[in-house]
Each structure stands twice: as structure tokens, then as C-alpha cells.
N, C-alpha and C. Protein backbone atom coordinates (compact mmCIF):
# COMPACT_ATOMS: atom_id res chain seq x y z
N MET A 1 -3.72 -0.22 -8.20
CA MET A 1 -4.73 -1.12 -8.73
C MET A 1 -5.75 -1.47 -7.66
N ALA A 2 -5.27 -1.63 -6.42
CA ALA A 2 -6.19 -1.96 -5.33
C ALA A 2 -7.19 -0.82 -5.10
N VAL A 3 -6.71 0.41 -5.18
CA VAL A 3 -7.60 1.56 -5.00
C VAL A 3 -8.59 1.64 -6.15
N ASP A 4 -8.12 1.45 -7.37
CA ASP A 4 -9.03 1.47 -8.53
C ASP A 4 -10.12 0.41 -8.39
N ALA A 5 -9.73 -0.80 -7.99
CA ALA A 5 -10.72 -1.87 -7.81
C ALA A 5 -11.70 -1.51 -6.69
N HIS A 6 -11.20 -0.95 -5.61
CA HIS A 6 -12.07 -0.54 -4.49
C HIS A 6 -13.06 0.52 -4.96
N PHE A 7 -12.57 1.52 -5.68
CA PHE A 7 -13.46 2.57 -6.18
C PHE A 7 -14.52 1.99 -7.12
N ARG A 8 -14.13 1.05 -7.99
CA ARG A 8 -15.11 0.43 -8.88
C ARG A 8 -16.19 -0.30 -8.09
N ARG A 9 -15.78 -1.05 -7.06
CA ARG A 9 -16.76 -1.76 -6.23
C ARG A 9 -17.72 -0.78 -5.55
N GLN A 10 -17.22 0.39 -5.19
CA GLN A 10 -18.05 1.40 -4.53
C GLN A 10 -18.82 2.27 -5.54
N LYS A 11 -18.58 2.01 -6.84
CA LYS A 11 -19.19 2.81 -7.91
C LYS A 11 -18.84 4.30 -7.75
N PHE A 12 -17.56 4.53 -7.40
CA PHE A 12 -17.07 5.89 -7.22
C PHE A 12 -16.09 6.23 -8.33
N ARG A 13 -16.33 7.38 -8.97
CA ARG A 13 -15.42 7.86 -10.01
C ARG A 13 -15.02 9.29 -9.66
N PRO A 14 -13.76 9.49 -9.25
CA PRO A 14 -13.35 10.85 -8.91
C PRO A 14 -13.41 11.76 -10.14
N ASP A 15 -13.78 13.01 -9.93
CA ASP A 15 -13.85 13.97 -11.03
C ASP A 15 -12.46 14.26 -11.59
N LEU A 16 -11.50 14.41 -10.70
CA LEU A 16 -10.12 14.66 -11.08
C LEU A 16 -9.23 13.61 -10.45
N ARG A 17 -8.17 13.29 -11.16
CA ARG A 17 -7.27 12.25 -10.65
C ARG A 17 -5.85 12.57 -11.10
N LEU A 18 -4.92 12.34 -10.22
CA LEU A 18 -3.52 12.59 -10.52
C LEU A 18 -2.70 11.40 -10.03
N GLU A 19 -1.88 10.86 -10.89
CA GLU A 19 -0.98 9.78 -10.49
C GLU A 19 0.43 10.34 -10.46
N LEU A 20 1.13 10.11 -9.38
CA LEU A 20 2.50 10.57 -9.23
C LEU A 20 3.43 9.39 -9.09
N GLY A 21 4.71 9.63 -9.32
CA GLY A 21 5.68 8.54 -9.41
C GLY A 21 6.20 7.97 -8.12
N SER A 22 5.94 8.63 -7.00
CA SER A 22 6.48 8.11 -5.75
C SER A 22 5.60 8.54 -4.58
N ASN A 23 5.71 7.82 -3.47
CA ASN A 23 4.97 8.19 -2.27
C ASN A 23 5.37 9.57 -1.79
N GLU A 24 6.65 9.90 -1.92
CA GLU A 24 7.12 11.22 -1.49
C GLU A 24 6.45 12.31 -2.32
N ALA A 25 6.32 12.11 -3.62
CA ALA A 25 5.65 13.10 -4.48
C ALA A 25 4.19 13.25 -4.08
N VAL A 26 3.54 12.15 -3.75
CA VAL A 26 2.13 12.20 -3.32
C VAL A 26 2.02 12.99 -2.02
N LYS A 27 2.89 12.70 -1.06
CA LYS A 27 2.85 13.43 0.22
C LYS A 27 3.11 14.91 0.02
N GLU A 28 4.04 15.26 -0.87
CA GLU A 28 4.31 16.68 -1.16
C GLU A 28 3.09 17.34 -1.80
N ALA A 29 2.39 16.62 -2.68
CA ALA A 29 1.20 17.17 -3.32
C ALA A 29 0.12 17.44 -2.28
N VAL A 30 -0.08 16.52 -1.36
CA VAL A 30 -1.07 16.71 -0.30
C VAL A 30 -0.66 17.87 0.59
N THR A 31 0.61 17.92 0.96
CA THR A 31 1.10 19.00 1.80
C THR A 31 0.93 20.35 1.09
N GLY A 32 1.03 20.34 -0.25
CA GLY A 32 0.86 21.56 -1.04
C GLY A 32 -0.59 21.88 -1.35
N ASN A 33 -1.52 21.23 -0.65
CA ASN A 33 -2.96 21.49 -0.80
C ASN A 33 -3.51 21.16 -2.19
N LEU A 34 -2.97 20.14 -2.85
CA LEU A 34 -3.49 19.73 -4.15
C LEU A 34 -4.64 18.73 -4.02
N GLY A 35 -4.93 18.27 -2.82
CA GLY A 35 -6.04 17.35 -2.64
C GLY A 35 -5.74 16.30 -1.59
N VAL A 36 -6.49 15.21 -1.66
CA VAL A 36 -6.30 14.08 -0.75
C VAL A 36 -5.66 12.93 -1.52
N ALA A 37 -5.15 11.95 -0.79
CA ALA A 37 -4.48 10.83 -1.43
C ALA A 37 -4.81 9.54 -0.70
N VAL A 38 -4.69 8.45 -1.40
CA VAL A 38 -4.78 7.12 -0.80
C VAL A 38 -3.37 6.55 -0.87
N LEU A 39 -2.80 6.31 0.30
CA LEU A 39 -1.45 5.77 0.42
C LEU A 39 -1.46 4.59 1.37
N SER A 40 -0.49 3.73 1.21
CA SER A 40 -0.29 2.67 2.20
C SER A 40 0.10 3.32 3.52
N ARG A 41 -0.41 2.79 4.61
CA ARG A 41 -0.03 3.29 5.93
C ARG A 41 1.47 3.16 6.14
N HIS A 42 2.08 2.19 5.45
CA HIS A 42 3.52 1.97 5.56
C HIS A 42 4.33 3.09 4.92
N ALA A 43 3.70 3.93 4.10
CA ALA A 43 4.40 5.05 3.46
C ALA A 43 4.48 6.27 4.37
N LEU A 44 3.81 6.21 5.52
CA LEU A 44 3.81 7.33 6.45
C LEU A 44 4.63 6.97 7.68
N PRO A 45 5.18 8.00 8.34
CA PRO A 45 5.87 7.71 9.61
C PRO A 45 4.87 7.21 10.63
N PRO A 46 5.33 6.55 11.70
CA PRO A 46 4.40 6.03 12.71
C PRO A 46 3.43 7.09 13.22
N GLU A 47 3.89 8.29 13.45
CA GLU A 47 3.03 9.39 13.87
C GLU A 47 3.17 10.51 12.86
N PRO A 48 2.23 10.62 11.89
CA PRO A 48 2.37 11.68 10.88
C PRO A 48 2.39 13.06 11.54
N PRO A 49 3.25 13.95 11.06
CA PRO A 49 3.27 15.30 11.63
C PRO A 49 1.91 15.97 11.44
N THR A 50 1.37 16.52 12.51
CA THR A 50 0.03 17.09 12.44
C THR A 50 -0.02 18.33 11.56
N SER A 51 1.10 18.98 11.34
CA SER A 51 1.08 20.20 10.54
C SER A 51 1.05 19.95 9.04
N SER A 52 1.42 18.75 8.60
CA SER A 52 1.50 18.53 7.15
C SER A 52 0.45 17.58 6.60
N VAL A 53 0.19 16.46 7.26
CA VAL A 53 -0.79 15.49 6.77
C VAL A 53 -1.61 14.95 7.93
N ALA A 54 -2.78 14.47 7.61
CA ALA A 54 -3.65 13.83 8.60
C ALA A 54 -4.19 12.56 7.98
N VAL A 55 -4.34 11.54 8.77
CA VAL A 55 -4.95 10.29 8.32
C VAL A 55 -6.44 10.40 8.63
N LEU A 56 -7.26 10.32 7.59
CA LEU A 56 -8.70 10.48 7.74
C LEU A 56 -9.38 9.13 7.94
N PRO A 57 -10.37 9.06 8.83
CA PRO A 57 -11.13 7.82 8.97
C PRO A 57 -12.13 7.73 7.81
N VAL A 58 -12.02 6.71 7.00
CA VAL A 58 -12.88 6.55 5.84
C VAL A 58 -13.49 5.15 5.88
N ARG A 59 -14.81 5.09 5.73
CA ARG A 59 -15.50 3.80 5.72
C ARG A 59 -14.97 2.95 4.56
N GLY A 60 -14.72 1.69 4.82
CA GLY A 60 -14.22 0.78 3.79
C GLY A 60 -12.70 0.72 3.72
N PHE A 61 -12.04 1.52 4.54
CA PHE A 61 -10.58 1.52 4.58
C PHE A 61 -10.12 0.93 5.90
N PRO A 62 -8.98 0.31 5.96
CA PRO A 62 -7.99 0.19 4.89
C PRO A 62 -8.42 -0.82 3.83
N ILE A 63 -7.91 -0.61 2.65
CA ILE A 63 -8.19 -1.50 1.52
C ILE A 63 -7.22 -2.67 1.61
N GLU A 64 -7.74 -3.87 1.54
CA GLU A 64 -6.86 -5.04 1.53
C GLU A 64 -6.35 -5.26 0.12
N SER A 65 -5.10 -5.65 0.02
CA SER A 65 -4.52 -5.97 -1.28
C SER A 65 -3.64 -7.20 -1.13
N LYS A 66 -3.33 -7.80 -2.25
CA LYS A 66 -2.48 -8.99 -2.25
C LYS A 66 -1.10 -8.59 -2.75
N TRP A 67 -0.10 -9.20 -2.16
CA TRP A 67 1.28 -9.00 -2.57
C TRP A 67 1.78 -10.30 -3.18
N HIS A 68 2.65 -10.17 -4.16
CA HIS A 68 3.20 -11.34 -4.82
C HIS A 68 4.72 -11.23 -4.87
N ILE A 69 5.38 -12.34 -4.71
CA ILE A 69 6.83 -12.39 -4.88
C ILE A 69 7.07 -12.94 -6.28
N VAL A 70 7.80 -12.19 -7.09
CA VAL A 70 8.05 -12.61 -8.47
C VAL A 70 9.55 -12.53 -8.77
N TYR A 71 9.98 -13.40 -9.67
CA TYR A 71 11.35 -13.38 -10.15
C TYR A 71 11.38 -14.07 -11.50
N PRO A 72 12.42 -13.81 -12.29
CA PRO A 72 12.45 -14.36 -13.65
C PRO A 72 12.43 -15.88 -13.66
N ARG A 73 11.61 -16.43 -14.53
CA ARG A 73 11.53 -17.88 -14.69
C ARG A 73 12.86 -18.42 -15.24
N GLY A 74 13.25 -19.55 -14.75
CA GLY A 74 14.45 -20.19 -15.27
C GLY A 74 15.76 -19.60 -14.77
N ARG A 75 15.68 -18.62 -13.90
CA ARG A 75 16.90 -18.02 -13.35
C ARG A 75 17.05 -18.44 -11.91
N MET A 76 18.26 -18.66 -11.50
CA MET A 76 18.54 -19.03 -10.12
C MET A 76 18.39 -17.78 -9.25
N VAL A 77 17.74 -17.94 -8.12
CA VAL A 77 17.53 -16.83 -7.20
C VAL A 77 18.81 -16.65 -6.38
N SER A 78 19.25 -15.41 -6.25
CA SER A 78 20.48 -15.13 -5.50
C SER A 78 20.25 -15.46 -4.02
N PRO A 79 21.32 -15.73 -3.29
CA PRO A 79 21.17 -16.02 -1.86
C PRO A 79 20.49 -14.88 -1.10
N ILE A 80 20.80 -13.64 -1.43
CA ILE A 80 20.17 -12.53 -0.71
C ILE A 80 18.69 -12.44 -1.05
N ALA A 81 18.33 -12.70 -2.31
CA ALA A 81 16.92 -12.70 -2.69
C ALA A 81 16.17 -13.83 -1.99
N ALA A 82 16.79 -14.99 -1.88
CA ALA A 82 16.16 -16.13 -1.18
C ALA A 82 15.98 -15.80 0.30
N ALA A 83 16.97 -15.14 0.91
CA ALA A 83 16.86 -14.75 2.32
C ALA A 83 15.73 -13.73 2.49
N PHE A 84 15.64 -12.80 1.55
CA PHE A 84 14.57 -11.80 1.63
C PHE A 84 13.20 -12.46 1.48
N GLU A 85 13.08 -13.42 0.58
CA GLU A 85 11.81 -14.13 0.42
C GLU A 85 11.43 -14.86 1.71
N ARG A 86 12.39 -15.53 2.33
CA ARG A 86 12.11 -16.21 3.60
C ARG A 86 11.64 -15.21 4.66
N HIS A 87 12.30 -14.06 4.71
CA HIS A 87 11.90 -13.01 5.65
C HIS A 87 10.46 -12.57 5.38
N LEU A 88 10.13 -12.32 4.11
CA LEU A 88 8.76 -11.91 3.77
C LEU A 88 7.74 -12.98 4.17
N GLN A 89 8.07 -14.22 3.90
CA GLN A 89 7.15 -15.32 4.24
C GLN A 89 6.92 -15.39 5.75
N ARG A 90 8.00 -15.22 6.54
CA ARG A 90 7.85 -15.23 8.00
C ARG A 90 7.00 -14.05 8.46
N GLN A 91 7.25 -12.88 7.91
CA GLN A 91 6.49 -11.69 8.31
C GLN A 91 5.02 -11.81 7.91
N ALA A 92 4.76 -12.40 6.76
CA ALA A 92 3.39 -12.53 6.28
C ALA A 92 2.53 -13.36 7.23
N ARG A 93 3.14 -14.27 7.95
CA ARG A 93 2.38 -15.08 8.92
C ARG A 93 1.79 -14.21 10.02
N HIS A 94 2.42 -13.08 10.31
CA HIS A 94 1.91 -12.17 11.34
C HIS A 94 0.82 -11.25 10.79
N TRP A 95 0.76 -11.09 9.47
CA TRP A 95 -0.18 -10.14 8.86
C TRP A 95 -1.49 -10.78 8.48
N THR A 96 -1.50 -12.07 8.21
CA THR A 96 -2.71 -12.72 7.72
C THR A 96 -3.08 -13.89 8.62
N PRO A 97 -4.39 -14.13 8.80
CA PRO A 97 -4.79 -15.29 9.60
C PRO A 97 -4.40 -16.59 8.89
N GLN A 98 -3.91 -17.51 9.65
CA GLN A 98 -3.54 -18.82 9.10
C GLN A 98 -4.79 -19.69 9.04
N PRO A 99 -4.83 -20.65 8.12
CA PRO A 99 -6.01 -21.53 7.99
C PRO A 99 -6.38 -22.14 9.34
N GLY A 100 -7.65 -22.08 9.66
CA GLY A 100 -8.15 -22.66 10.90
C GLY A 100 -8.05 -21.76 12.10
N THR A 101 -7.48 -20.52 11.92
CA THR A 101 -7.35 -19.63 13.07
C THR A 101 -8.29 -18.42 12.98
N ALA A 102 -8.89 -18.20 11.82
CA ALA A 102 -9.75 -17.01 11.66
C ALA A 102 -11.17 -17.31 12.05
């Protein structure tokens, strides 16, 4: 959705488009010379193998997106889910500027 919104803002409509079910499928498609892809940097190893994929410098990238933590209303959150949420909240402080610091 973030890529679609970015493309709309840029008034860009790709001639061909393919959506695949997983990051691994997308990487295999790129490796198989089916085209280019927009993936989260987190979906790639720290140093992508030079023989299979390359990260291209593209103006307007990386695309910023928002993440949301969701769970069923009216249901008690499990202890492991609560611990994971706390972990995400702590990590998010490192990813985004805090009010008054930007």
C-alpha cells in the first residue's frame, strides 16, 4: 500500500505489475530476470549478494510507511504478545524522532 501511494503521488503507473505472496518469491522473480521490485530493506540480508540482486539508488526512496499494532477487541492480550508489543515500542523509539528532538 505504501508503494501504491508513493506511485500515485509521483503520478507513476507501471505498464506491467506483478504481486507475489512473499518476499522470497519477489527476490526469486528478480533473480530470474522478471524485472525490478520494491522491497523493505529488512527483507534483504545486510549485504545482498552481488551476483543475484542489487539495491538501486532511486530518488524518493526509501518510502516511509506507518506500522500499527493490532489485536482483537475485547480479548485479553497474551503475556508473550504484550512482551512483543513492549519490545516493538522500545525499538520504535530508535527509528523515529521523538517530539522536540527533530
